[in-house]
PDB file of N, CA and C in Angstrom:
ATOM      1  N   MET A   1      24.711   8.651   6.856  1.00  0.00           N
ATOM      2  CA  MET A   1      23.738   8.576   5.881  1.00  0.00           C
ATOM      3  C   MET A   1      22.607   7.515   6.135  1.00  0.00           C
ATOM      4  N   ILE A   2      21.375   7.951   6.043  1.00  0.00           N
ATOM      5  CA  ILE A   2      20.297   7.059   6.242  1.00  0.00           C
ATOM      6  C   ILE A   2      19.788   6.522   4.898  1.00  0.00           C
ATOM      7  N   ILE A   3      19.645   5.243   4.760  1.00  0.00           N
ATOM      8  CA  ILE A   3      19.049   4.588   3.547  1.00  0.00           C
ATOM      9  C   ILE A   3      17.788   4.004   3.917  1.00  0.00           C
ATOM     10  N   LEU A   4      16.714   4.380   3.364  1.00  0.00           N
ATOM     11  CA  LEU A   4      15.403   3.842   3.604  1.00  0.00           C
ATOM     12  C   LEU A   4      15.100   2.854   2.374  1.00  0.00           C
ATOM     13  N   ALA A   5      14.490   1.719   2.760  1.00  0.00           N
ATOM     14  CA  ALA A   5      14.062   0.721   1.820  1.00  0.00           C
ATOM     15  C   ALA A   5      12.593   1.105   1.430  1.00  0.00           C
ATOM     16  N   VAL A   6      12.348   1.120   0.225  1.00  0.00           N
ATOM     17  CA  VAL A   6      10.968   1.440  -0.316  1.00  0.00           C
ATOM     18  C   VAL A   6      10.405   0.187  -0.941  1.00  0.00           C
ATOM     19  N   ASP A   7       9.238  -0.198  -0.500  1.00  0.00           N
ATOM     20  CA  ASP A   7       8.540  -1.314  -1.070  1.00  0.00           C
ATOM     21  C   ASP A   7       7.704  -0.752  -2.158  1.00  0.00           C
ATOM     22  N   TYR A   8       8.207  -0.839  -3.386  1.00  0.00           N
ATOM     23  CA  TYR A   8       7.432  -0.240  -4.485  1.00  0.00           C
ATOM     24  C   TYR A   8       6.250  -1.130  -4.887  1.00  0.00           C
ATOM     25  N   VAL A   9       6.357  -2.468  -4.659  1.00  0.00           N
ATOM     26  CA  VAL A   9       5.208  -3.400  -4.868  1.00  0.00           C
ATOM     27  C   VAL A   9       4.085  -3.018  -3.976  1.00  0.00           C
ATOM     28  N   LEU A  10       4.218  -2.751  -2.744  1.00  0.00           N
ATOM     29  CA  LEU A  10       3.207  -2.382  -1.724  1.00  0.00           C
ATOM     30  C   LEU A  10       2.669  -1.142  -2.143  1.00  0.00           C
ATOM     31  N   ILE A  11       3.485  -0.092  -2.493  1.00  0.00           N
ATOM     32  CA  ILE A  11       3.025   1.174  -2.896  1.00  0.00           C
ATOM     33  C   ILE A  11       2.208   1.115  -4.069  1.00  0.00           C
ATOM     34  N   GLY A  12       2.630   0.337  -5.045  1.00  0.00           N
ATOM     35  CA  GLY A  12       1.876   0.125  -6.311  1.00  0.00           C
ATOM     36  C   GLY A  12       0.535  -0.466  -6.052  1.00  0.00           C
ATOM     37  N   LYS A  13       0.486  -1.472  -5.165  1.00  0.00           N
ATOM     38  CA  LYS A  13      -0.834  -2.048  -4.892  1.00  0.00           C
ATOM     39  C   LYS A  13      -1.799  -1.123  -4.170  1.00  0.00           C
ATOM     40  N   ARG A  14      -1.249  -0.272  -3.302  1.00  0.00           N
ATOM     41  CA  ARG A  14      -2.184   0.742  -2.686  1.00  0.00           C
ATOM     42  C   ARG A  14      -2.552   1.806  -3.688  1.00  0.00           C
ATOM     43  N   LEU A  15      -1.701   2.214  -4.558  1.00  0.00           N
ATOM     44  CA  LEU A  15      -2.081   3.144  -5.610  1.00  0.00           C
ATOM     45  C   LEU A  15      -3.115   2.528  -6.539  1.00  0.00           C
ATOM     46  N   LYS A  16      -2.964   1.279  -6.954  1.00  0.00           N
ATOM     47  CA  LYS A  16      -3.951   0.588  -7.731  1.00  0.00           C
ATOM     48  C   LYS A  16      -5.305   0.591  -7.106  1.00  0.00           C
ATOM     49  N   LYS A  17      -5.254   0.115  -5.848  1.00  0.00           N
ATOM     50  CA  LYS A  17      -6.591   0.030  -5.041  1.00  0.00           C
ATOM     51  C   LYS A  17      -7.294   1.448  -5.046  1.00  0.00           C
ATOM     52  N   ALA A  18      -6.489   2.498  -4.689  1.00  0.00           N
ATOM     53  CA  ALA A  18      -7.009   3.847  -4.636  1.00  0.00           C
ATOM     54  C   ALA A  18      -7.599   4.271  -5.965  1.00  0.00           C
ATOM     55  N   ARG A  19      -6.863   3.830  -7.084  1.00  0.00           N
ATOM     56  CA  ARG A  19      -7.392   4.189  -8.466  1.00  0.00           C
ATOM     57  C   ARG A  19      -8.649   3.496  -8.709  1.00  0.00           C
ATOM     58  N   GLU A  20      -8.656   2.123  -8.457  1.00  0.00           N
ATOM     59  CA  GLU A  20      -9.876   1.375  -8.611  1.00  0.00           C
ATOM     60  C   GLU A  20     -11.042   1.841  -7.791  1.00  0.00           C
ATOM     61  N   ASP A  21     -10.745   2.198  -6.568  1.00  0.00           N
ATOM     62  CA  ASP A  21     -11.902   2.656  -5.654  1.00  0.00           C
ATOM     63  C   ASP A  21     -12.477   3.944  -6.215  1.00  0.00           C
ATOM     64  N   LYS A  22     -11.844   4.753  -6.952  1.00  0.00           N
ATOM     65  CA  LYS A  22     -12.303   5.987  -7.472  1.00  0.00           C
ATOM     66  C   LYS A  22     -12.921   5.764  -8.919  1.00  0.00           C
ATOM     67  N   GLY A  23     -12.760   4.529  -9.426  1.00  0.00           N
ATOM     68  CA  GLY A  23     -13.355   4.221 -10.691  1.00  0.00           C
ATOM     69  C   GLY A  23     -12.472   4.919 -11.817  1.00  0.00           C
ATOM     70  N   ILE A  24     -11.278   5.094 -11.684  1.00  0.00           N
ATOM     71  CA  ILE A  24     -10.376   5.738 -12.677  1.00  0.00           C
ATOM     72  C   ILE A  24      -9.556   4.587 -13.367  1.00  0.00           C
ATOM     73  N   THR A  25      -9.527   4.693 -14.636  1.00  0.00           N
ATOM     74  CA  THR A  25      -8.780   3.661 -15.432  1.00  0.00           C
ATOM     75  C   THR A  25      -7.327   4.064 -15.447  1.00  0.00           C
ATOM     76  N   GLN A  26      -6.467   3.049 -15.805  1.00  0.00           N
ATOM     77  CA  GLN A  26      -5.036   3.285 -15.935  1.00  0.00           C
ATOM     78  C   GLN A  26      -4.875   4.354 -17.024  1.00  0.00           C
ATOM     79  N   GLU A  27      -5.661   4.228 -18.091  1.00  0.00           N
ATOM     80  CA  GLU A  27      -5.546   5.130 -19.255  1.00  0.00           C
ATOM     81  C   GLU A  27      -5.860   6.569 -18.769  1.00  0.00           C
ATOM     82  N   LYS A  28      -6.903   6.787 -18.077  1.00  0.00           N
ATOM     83  CA  LYS A  28      -7.215   8.130 -17.561  1.00  0.00           C
ATOM     84  C   LYS A  28      -6.159   8.666 -16.640  1.00  0.00           C
ATOM     85  N   LEU A  29      -5.624   7.870 -15.837  1.00  0.00           N
ATOM     86  CA  LEU A  29      -4.530   8.311 -14.936  1.00  0.00           C
ATOM     87  C   LEU A  29      -3.327   8.671 -15.798  1.00  0.00           C
ATOM     88  N   ALA A  30      -2.999   7.807 -16.673  1.00  0.00           N
ATOM     89  CA  ALA A  30      -1.776   8.079 -17.557  1.00  0.00           C
ATOM     90  C   ALA A  30      -1.977   9.363 -18.333  1.00  0.00           C
ATOM     91  N   GLU A  31      -3.167   9.659 -18.831  1.00  0.00           N
ATOM     92  CA  GLU A  31      -3.412  10.822 -19.634  1.00  0.00           C
ATOM     93  C   GLU A  31      -3.286  12.077 -18.789  1.00  0.00           C
ATOM     94  N   HIS A  32      -3.841  11.982 -17.535  1.00  0.00           N
ATOM     95  CA  HIS A  32      -3.647  13.094 -16.578  1.00  0.00           C
ATOM     96  C   HIS A  32      -2.210  13.375 -16.316  1.00  0.00           C
ATOM     97  N   LEU A  33      -1.482  12.348 -16.114  1.00  0.00           N
ATOM     98  CA  LEU A  33       0.021  12.489 -15.696  1.00  0.00           C
ATOM     99  C   LEU A  33       0.871  12.745 -17.034  1.00  0.00           C
ATOM    100  N   ASP A  34       0.273  12.639 -18.162  1.00  0.00           N
ATOM    101  CA  ASP A  34       1.072  12.739 -19.411  1.00  0.00           C
ATOM    102  C   ASP A  34       2.175  11.759 -19.474  1.00  0.00           C
ATOM    103  N   VAL A  35       1.754  10.469 -19.160  1.00  0.00           N
ATOM    104  CA  VAL A  35       2.782   9.323 -19.226  1.00  0.00           C
ATOM    105  C   VAL A  35       2.015   8.285 -20.018  1.00  0.00           C
ATOM    106  N   SER A  36       2.770   7.110 -20.295  1.00  0.00           N
ATOM    107  CA  SER A  36       2.155   6.058 -20.968  1.00  0.00           C
ATOM    108  C   SER A  36       1.418   5.096 -20.081  1.00  0.00           C
ATOM    109  N   ASN A  37       0.366   4.341 -20.582  1.00  0.00           N
ATOM    110  CA  ASN A  37      -0.273   3.331 -19.822  1.00  0.00           C
ATOM    111  C   ASN A  37       0.646   2.318 -19.305  1.00  0.00           C
ATOM    112  N   ALA A  38       1.707   2.003 -20.010  1.00  0.00           N
ATOM    113  CA  ALA A  38       2.674   0.925 -19.650  1.00  0.00           C
ATOM    114  C   ALA A  38       3.423   1.469 -18.281  1.00  0.00           C
ATOM    115  N   TYR A  39       3.700   2.672 -18.269  1.00  0.00           N
ATOM    116  CA  TYR A  39       4.361   3.296 -17.124  1.00  0.00           C
ATOM    117  C   TYR A  39       3.536   3.200 -15.874  1.00  0.00           C
ATOM    118  N   VAL A  40       2.245   3.485 -16.007  1.00  0.00           N
ATOM    119  CA  VAL A  40       1.269   3.441 -14.879  1.00  0.00           C
ATOM    120  C   VAL A  40       1.175   2.018 -14.457  1.00  0.00           C
ATOM    121  N   SER A  41       1.114   1.140 -15.401  1.00  0.00           N
ATOM    122  CA  SER A  41       1.012  -0.361 -15.093  1.00  0.00           C
ATOM    123  C   SER A  41       2.305  -0.798 -14.279  1.00  0.00           C
ATOM    124  N   LYS A  42       3.392  -0.356 -14.695  1.00  0.00           N
ATOM    125  CA  LYS A  42       4.708  -0.726 -13.955  1.00  0.00           C
ATOM    126  C   LYS A  42       4.738  -0.101 -12.605  1.00  0.00           C
ATOM    127  N   ILE A  43       4.167   1.089 -12.375  1.00  0.00           N
ATOM    128  CA  ILE A  43       4.144   1.602 -11.061  1.00  0.00           C
ATOM    129  C   ILE A  43       3.239   0.765 -10.195  1.00  0.00           C
ATOM    130  N   GLU A  44       2.140   0.446 -10.692  1.00  0.00           N
ATOM    131  CA  GLU A  44       1.079  -0.372  -9.929  1.00  0.00           C
ATOM    132  C   GLU A  44       1.664  -1.732  -9.611  1.00  0.00           C
ATOM    133  N   ARG A  45       2.556  -2.251 -10.390  1.00  0.00           N
ATOM    134  CA  ARG A  45       3.075  -3.616 -10.195  1.00  0.00           C
ATOM    135  C   ARG A  45       4.376  -3.574  -9.401  1.00  0.00           C
ATOM    136  N   GLY A  46       4.849  -2.392  -9.116  1.00  0.00           N
ATOM    137  CA  GLY A  46       6.042  -2.139  -8.337  1.00  0.00           C
ATOM    138  C   GLY A  46       7.285  -2.499  -9.205  1.00  0.00           C
ATOM    139  N   LYS A  47       7.233  -2.389 -10.551  1.00  0.00           N
ATOM    140  CA  LYS A  47       8.288  -2.703 -11.429  1.00  0.00           C
ATOM    141  C   LYS A  47       9.197  -1.525 -11.684  1.00  0.00           C
ATOM    142  N   THR A  48       8.785  -0.322 -11.294  1.00  0.00           N
ATOM    143  CA  THR A  48       9.568   0.794 -11.416  1.00  0.00           C
ATOM    144  C   THR A  48       9.472   1.769 -10.249  1.00  0.00           C
ATOM    145  N   SER A  49      10.515   2.517 -10.022  1.00  0.00           N
ATOM    146  CA  SER A  49      10.428   3.572  -8.985  1.00  0.00           C
ATOM    147  C   SER A  49       9.747   4.752  -9.553  1.00  0.00           C
ATOM    148  N   LEU A  50       9.351   5.678  -8.709  1.00  0.00           N
ATOM    149  CA  LEU A  50       8.757   6.909  -9.191  1.00  0.00           C
ATOM    150  C   LEU A  50       9.223   8.093  -8.370  1.00  0.00           C
ATOM    151  N   ASN A  51       9.350   9.171  -9.047  1.00  0.00           N
ATOM    152  CA  ASN A  51       9.948  10.353  -8.307  1.00  0.00           C
ATOM    153  C   ASN A  51       8.807  11.068  -7.522  1.00  0.00           C
ATOM    154  N   LEU A  52       9.233  11.866  -6.614  1.00  0.00           N
ATOM    155  CA  LEU A  52       8.343  12.518  -5.676  1.00  0.00           C
ATOM    156  C   LEU A  52       7.236  13.315  -6.295  1.00  0.00           C
ATOM    157  N   ASN A  53       7.626  14.025  -7.420  1.00  0.00           N
ATOM    158  CA  ASN A  53       6.667  14.817  -8.179  1.00  0.00           C
ATOM    159  C   ASN A  53       5.609  13.875  -8.774  1.00  0.00           C
ATOM    160  N   THR A  54       5.879  12.887  -9.397  1.00  0.00           N
ATOM    161  CA  THR A  54       4.922  11.931  -9.890  1.00  0.00           C
ATOM    162  C   THR A  54       4.084  11.279  -8.869  1.00  0.00           C
ATOM    163  N   PHE A  55       4.649  10.861  -7.784  1.00  0.00           N
ATOM    164  CA  PHE A  55       4.024  10.250  -6.674  1.00  0.00           C
ATOM    165  C   PHE A  55       2.956  11.248  -6.048  1.00  0.00           C
ATOM    166  N   SER A  56       3.392  12.443  -5.917  1.00  0.00           N
ATOM    167  CA  SER A  56       2.580  13.526  -5.407  1.00  0.00           C
ATOM    168  C   SER A  56       1.328  13.807  -6.288  1.00  0.00           C
ATOM    169  N   ALA A  57       1.637  13.793  -7.606  1.00  0.00           N
ATOM    170  CA  ALA A  57       0.578  14.069  -8.660  1.00  0.00           C
ATOM    171  C   ALA A  57      -0.374  12.947  -8.592  1.00  0.00           C
ATOM    172  N   ILE A  58       0.008  11.691  -8.575  1.00  0.00           N
ATOM    173  CA  ILE A  58      -0.895  10.569  -8.502  1.00  0.00           C
ATOM    174  C   ILE A  58      -1.779  10.604  -7.359  1.00  0.00           C
ATOM    175  N   CYS A  59      -1.179  10.924  -6.096  1.00  0.00           N
ATOM    176  CA  CYS A  59      -1.848  10.907  -4.892  1.00  0.00           C
ATOM    177  C   CYS A  59      -2.917  12.059  -4.963  1.00  0.00           C
ATOM    178  N   ASP A  60      -2.543  13.204  -5.396  1.00  0.00           N
ATOM    179  CA  ASP A  60      -3.436  14.386  -5.546  1.00  0.00           C
ATOM    180  C   ASP A  60      -4.606  13.945  -6.480  1.00  0.00           C
ATOM    181  N   TYR A  61      -4.422  13.412  -7.601  1.00  0.00           N
ATOM    182  CA  TYR A  61      -5.415  13.057  -8.561  1.00  0.00           C
ATOM    183  C   TYR A  61      -6.347  12.074  -7.954  1.00  0.00           C
ATOM    184  N   LEU A  62      -5.821  11.120  -7.240  1.00  0.00           N
ATOM    185  CA  LEU A  62      -6.621  10.031  -6.683  1.00  0.00           C
ATOM    186  C   LEU A  62      -7.297  10.434  -5.349  1.00  0.00           C
ATOM    187  N   GLY A  63      -6.968  11.594  -4.732  1.00  0.00           N
ATOM    188  CA  GLY A  63      -7.482  12.081  -3.583  1.00  0.00           C
ATOM    189  C   GLY A  63      -7.116  11.294  -2.279  1.00  0.00           C
ATOM    190  N   VAL A  64      -5.824  10.754  -2.345  1.00  0.00           N
ATOM    191  CA  VAL A  64      -5.306  10.027  -1.216  1.00  0.00           C
ATOM    192  C   VAL A  64      -4.066  10.685  -0.732  1.00  0.00           C
ATOM    193  N   SER A  65      -3.775  10.578   0.602  1.00  0.00           N
ATOM    194  CA  SER A  65      -2.543  11.139   1.041  1.00  0.00           C
ATOM    195  C   SER A  65      -1.328  10.378   0.765  1.00  0.00           C
ATOM    196  N   MET A  66      -0.163  11.013   0.539  1.00  0.00           N
ATOM    197  CA  MET A  66       1.044  10.236   0.294  1.00  0.00           C
ATOM    198  C   MET A  66       1.317   9.312   1.474  1.00  0.00           C
ATOM    199  N   SER A  67       1.060   9.890   2.711  1.00  0.00           N
ATOM    200  CA  SER A  67       1.357   9.151   3.993  1.00  0.00           C
ATOM    201  C   SER A  67       0.492   7.813   3.976  1.00  0.00           C
ATOM    202  N   PHE A  68      -0.736   7.856   3.566  1.00  0.00           N
ATOM    203  CA  PHE A  68      -1.586   6.630   3.456  1.00  0.00           C
ATOM    204  C   PHE A  68      -1.001   5.641   2.529  1.00  0.00           C
ATOM    205  N   ILE A  69      -0.506   6.072   1.318  1.00  0.00           N
ATOM    206  CA  ILE A  69       0.022   5.172   0.381  1.00  0.00           C
ATOM    207  C   ILE A  69       1.293   4.534   0.920  1.00  0.00           C
ATOM    208  N   LEU A  70       2.085   5.296   1.589  1.00  0.00           N
ATOM    209  CA  LEU A  70       3.377   4.806   2.074  1.00  0.00           C
ATOM    210  C   LEU A  70       3.220   3.870   3.284  1.00  0.00           C
ATOM    211  N   THR A  71       2.255   4.157   4.176  1.00  0.00           N
ATOM    212  CA  THR A  71       2.116   3.433   5.389  1.00  0.00           C
ATOM    213  C   THR A  71       0.878   2.436   5.360  1.00  0.00           C
ATOM    214  N   GLY A  72      -0.049   2.764   4.561  1.00  0.00           N
ATOM    215  CA  GLY A  72      -1.314   1.977   4.623  1.00  0.00           C
ATOM    216  C   GLY A  72      -2.279   2.342   5.701  1.00  0.00           C
ATOM    217  N   SER A  73      -1.904   3.479   6.364  1.00  0.00           N
ATOM    218  CA  SER A  73      -2.659   3.894   7.488  1.00  0.00           C
ATOM    219  C   SER A  73      -3.057   5.447   7.386  1.00  0.00           C
ATOM    220  N   VAL A  74      -4.262   5.782   7.761  1.00  0.00           N
ATOM    221  CA  VAL A  74      -4.585   7.205   7.764  1.00  0.00           C
ATOM    222  C   VAL A  74      -3.900   7.776   8.874  1.00  0.00           C
ATOM    223  N   SER A  75      -3.895   7.193  10.027  1.00  0.00           N
ATOM    224  CA  SER A  75      -3.128   7.646  11.212  1.00  0.00           C
ATOM    225  C   SER A  75      -1.833   6.882  11.307  1.00  0.00           C
ATOM    226  N   SER A  76      -0.688   7.447  10.917  1.00  0.00           N
ATOM    227  CA  SER A  76       0.540   6.677  10.820  1.00  0.00           C
ATOM    228  C   SER A  76       1.153   6.431  12.211  1.00  0.00           C
ATOM    229  N   SER A  77       0.421   6.743  13.316  1.00  0.00           N
ATOM    230  CA  SER A  77       0.895   6.334  14.613  1.00  0.00           C
ATOM    231  C   SER A  77       0.242   5.183  15.184  1.00  0.00           C
ATOM    232  N   GLU A  78      -0.936   5.380  15.678  1.00  0.00           N
ATOM    233  CA  GLU A  78      -1.672   4.273  16.430  1.00  0.00           C
ATOM    234  C   GLU A  78      -1.963   3.068  15.612  1.00  0.00           C
ATOM    235  N   ASN A  79      -2.593   3.192  14.432  1.00  0.00           N
ATOM    236  CA  ASN A  79      -2.980   2.110  13.617  1.00  0.00           C
ATOM    237  C   ASN A  79      -1.999   1.567  12.710  1.00  0.00           C
ATOM    238  N   TYR A  80      -0.838   2.145  12.591  1.00  0.00           N
ATOM    239  CA  TYR A  80       0.209   1.711  11.689  1.00  0.00           C
ATOM    240  C   TYR A  80       0.466   0.136  11.751  1.00  0.00           C
ATOM    241  N   MET A  81       0.882  -0.197  12.962  1.00  0.00           N
ATOM    242  CA  MET A  81       1.189  -1.582  13.170  1.00  0.00           C
ATOM    243  C   MET A  81      -0.018  -2.567  12.969  1.00  0.00           C
ATOM    244  N   ARG A  82      -1.126  -2.172  13.335  1.00  0.00           N
ATOM    245  CA  ARG A  82      -2.378  -2.993  13.050  1.00  0.00           C
ATOM    246  C   ARG A  82      -2.536  -3.243  11.528  1.00  0.00           C
ATOM    247  N   ASN A  83      -2.441  -2.157  10.742  1.00  0.00           N
ATOM    248  CA  ASN A  83      -2.538  -2.334   9.318  1.00  0.00           C
ATOM    249  C   ASN A  83      -1.396  -3.133   8.818  1.00  0.00           C
ATOM    250  N   GLU A  84      -0.226  -2.996   9.262  1.00  0.00           N
ATOM    251  CA  GLU A  84       0.937  -3.821   8.803  1.00  0.00           C
ATOM    252  C   GLU A  84       0.644  -5.328   9.020  1.00  0.00           C
ATOM    253  N   ILE A  85       0.086  -5.614  10.212  1.00  0.00           N
ATOM    254  CA  ILE A  85      -0.260  -6.996  10.638  1.00  0.00           C
ATOM    255  C   ILE A  85      -1.354  -7.474   9.680  1.00  0.00           C
ATOM    256  N   ALA A  86      -2.340  -6.645   9.400  1.00  0.00           N
ATOM    257  CA  ALA A  86      -3.481  -7.085   8.614  1.00  0.00           C
ATOM    258  C   ALA A  86      -2.934  -7.433   7.191  1.00  0.00           C
ATOM    259  N   GLU A  87      -2.095  -6.553   6.639  1.00  0.00           N
ATOM    260  CA  GLU A  87      -1.515  -6.817   5.253  1.00  0.00           C
ATOM    261  C   GLU A  87      -0.686  -8.144   5.244  1.00  0.00           C
ATOM    262  N   LEU A  88       0.037  -8.333   6.278  1.00  0.00           N
ATOM    263  CA  LEU A  88       0.876  -9.657   6.364  1.00  0.00           C
ATOM    264  C   LEU A  88      -0.102 -10.857   6.347  1.00  0.00           C
ATOM    265  N   ILE A  89      -1.174 -10.726   7.180  1.00  0.00           N
ATOM    266  CA  ILE A  89      -2.125 -11.823   7.387  1.00  0.00           C
ATOM    267  C   ILE A  89      -2.800 -12.039   6.015  1.00  0.00           C
ATOM    268  N   ASN A  90      -3.155 -11.063   5.342  1.00  0.00           N
ATOM    269  CA  ASN A  90      -3.809 -11.160   4.018  1.00  0.00           C
ATOM    270  C   ASN A  90      -2.978 -12.050   3.043  1.00  0.00           C
ATOM    271  N   LYS A  91      -1.685 -12.096   3.187  1.00  0.00           N
ATOM    272  CA  LYS A  91      -0.848 -12.832   2.362  1.00  0.00           C
ATOM    273  C   LYS A  91      -0.787 -14.292   2.710  1.00  0.00           C
ATOM    274  N   CYS A  92      -1.309 -14.664   3.914  1.00  0.00           N
ATOM    275  CA  CYS A  92      -1.170 -16.008   4.361  1.00  0.00           C
ATOM    276  C   CYS A  92      -2.287 -16.922   3.965  1.00  0.00           C
ATOM    277  N   SER A  93      -1.954 -18.275   3.872  1.00  0.00           N
ATOM    278  CA  SER A  93      -2.886 -19.327   3.552  1.00  0.00           C
ATOM    279  C   SER A  93      -3.897 -19.374   4.848  1.00  0.00           C
ATOM    280  N   PRO A  94      -5.111 -19.995   4.563  1.00  0.00           N
ATOM    281  CA  PRO A  94      -6.025 -20.088   5.647  1.00  0.00           C
ATOM    282  C   PRO A  94      -5.461 -20.885   6.848  1.00  0.00           C
ATOM    283  N   ALA A  95      -4.626 -21.876   6.608  1.00  0.00           N
ATOM    284  CA  ALA A  95      -4.009 -22.661   7.684  1.00  0.00           C
ATOM    285  C   ALA A  95      -3.095 -21.713   8.520  1.00  0.00           C
ATOM    286  N   LYS A  96      -2.341 -20.858   7.887  1.00  0.00           N
ATOM    287  CA  LYS A  96      -1.454 -19.981   8.606  1.00  0.00           C
ATOM    288  C   LYS A  96      -2.214 -19.036   9.455  1.00  0.00           C
ATOM    289  N   VAL A  97      -3.363 -18.487   8.861  1.00  0.00           N
ATOM    290  CA  VAL A  97      -4.241 -17.513   9.571  1.00  0.00           C
ATOM    291  C   VAL A  97      -4.708 -18.202  10.874  1.00  0.00           C
ATOM    292  N   VAL A  98      -5.135 -19.478  10.875  1.00  0.00           N
ATOM    293  CA  VAL A  98      -5.555 -20.050  12.030  1.00  0.00           C
ATOM    294  C   VAL A  98      -4.479 -20.166  13.090  1.00  0.00           C
ATOM    295  N   LEU A  99      -3.238 -20.551  12.627  1.00  0.00           N
ATOM    296  CA  LEU A  99      -2.128 -20.599  13.512  1.00  0.00           C
ATOM    297  C   LEU A  99      -1.859 -19.236  14.180  1.00  0.00           C
ATOM    298  N   ILE A 100      -1.921 -18.216  13.285  1.00  0.00           N
ATOM    299  CA  ILE A 100      -1.657 -16.800  13.878  1.00  0.00           C
ATOM    300  C   ILE A 100      -2.697 -16.403  14.842  1.00  0.00           C
ATOM    301  N   ALA A 101      -3.902 -16.750  14.559  1.00  0.00           N
ATOM    302  CA  ALA A 101      -5.002 -16.482  15.505  1.00  0.00           C
ATOM    303  C   ALA A 101      -4.805 -17.191  16.869  1.00  0.00           C
ATOM    304  N   LYS A 102      -4.290 -18.418  16.829  1.00  0.00           N
ATOM    305  CA  LYS A 102      -4.048 -19.161  18.043  1.00  0.00           C
ATOM    306  C   LYS A 102      -2.878 -18.509  18.802  1.00  0.00           C
ATOM    307  N   ILE A 103      -1.834 -18.066  18.162  1.00  0.00           N
ATOM    308  CA  ILE A 103      -0.762 -17.388  18.798  1.00  0.00           C
ATOM    309  C   ILE A 103      -1.219 -16.109  19.427  1.00  0.00           C
ATOM    310  N   ILE A 104      -1.929 -15.265  18.666  1.00  0.00           N
ATOM    311  CA  ILE A 104      -2.378 -14.047  19.149  1.00  0.00           C
ATOM    312  C   ILE A 104      -3.221 -14.139  20.348  1.00  0.00           C
ATOM    313  N   LYS A 105      -4.124 -15.173  20.294  1.00  0.00           N
ATOM    314  CA  LYS A 105      -5.020 -15.426  21.489  1.00  0.00           C
ATOM    315  C   LYS A 105      -4.185 -15.768  22.776  1.00  0.00           C
ATOM    316  N   GLU A 106      -3.119 -16.611  22.572  1.00  0.00           N
ATOM    317  CA  GLU A 106      -2.216 -17.017  23.586  1.00  0.00           C
ATOM    318  C   GLU A 106      -1.611 -15.751  24.235  1.00  0.00           C
ATOM    319  N   ILE A 107      -1.126 -14.939  23.412  1.00  0.00           N
ATOM    320  CA  ILE A 107      -0.419 -13.668  23.860  1.00  0.00           C
ATOM    321  C   ILE A 107      -1.401 -12.781  24.512  1.00  0.00           C
ATOM    322  N   CYS A 108      -2.576 -12.571  24.018  1.00  0.00           N
ATOM    323  CA  CYS A 108      -3.612 -11.693  24.677  1.00  0.00           C
ATOM    324  C   CYS A 108      -4.076 -12.166  26.038  1.00  0.00           C
ATOM    325  N   ASP A 109      -4.134 -13.561  26.123  1.00  0.00           N
ATOM    326  CA  ASP A 109      -4.587 -14.181  27.428  1.00  0.00           C
ATOM    327  C   ASP A 109      -3.562 -14.316  28.463  1.00  0.00           C
ATOM    328  N   PHE A 110      -2.249 -14.159  28.043  1.00  0.00           N
ATOM    329  CA  PHE A 110      -1.106 -14.148  28.956  1.00  0.00           C
ATOM    330  C   PHE A 110      -1.193 -13.132  30.022  1.00  0.00           C
ATOM    331  N   LYS A 111      -1.144 -13.621  31.254  1.00  0.00           N
ATOM    332  CA  LYS A 111      -1.072 -12.678  32.477  1.00  0.00           C
ATOM    333  C   LYS A 111       0.214 -12.379  32.802  1.00  0.00           C
ATOM    334  N   GLU A 112       0.625 -11.121  32.828  1.00  0.00           N
ATOM    335  CA  GLU A 112       1.974 -10.629  33.106  1.00  0.00           C
ATOM    336  C   GLU A 112       2.221 -10.639  34.585  1.00  0.00           C
TER     337      GLU A 112
END
């Protein structure tokens, strides 16, 4: 049996960004889904899980692919790791970003 860990906080952040990018309020999304505003808020904060039907309905309404919301990448193959790294870097302090940049430069400059 395979158990997959689902990062509901990250999914919620991506859904919120997609909603905001479309200029849709939580209230309008909740109304479309026939759920409460509180439920939409919990989804966006990663405080609740959501079933596949609800997830699909939200993605359809927002005009984003489920794959993008799950992976953060339009192309889940080539750019996936770049997007993951970018998301991790966005969570770092400026001092850590400088350190990460130095490490990456050393790796890129390394002659095999």
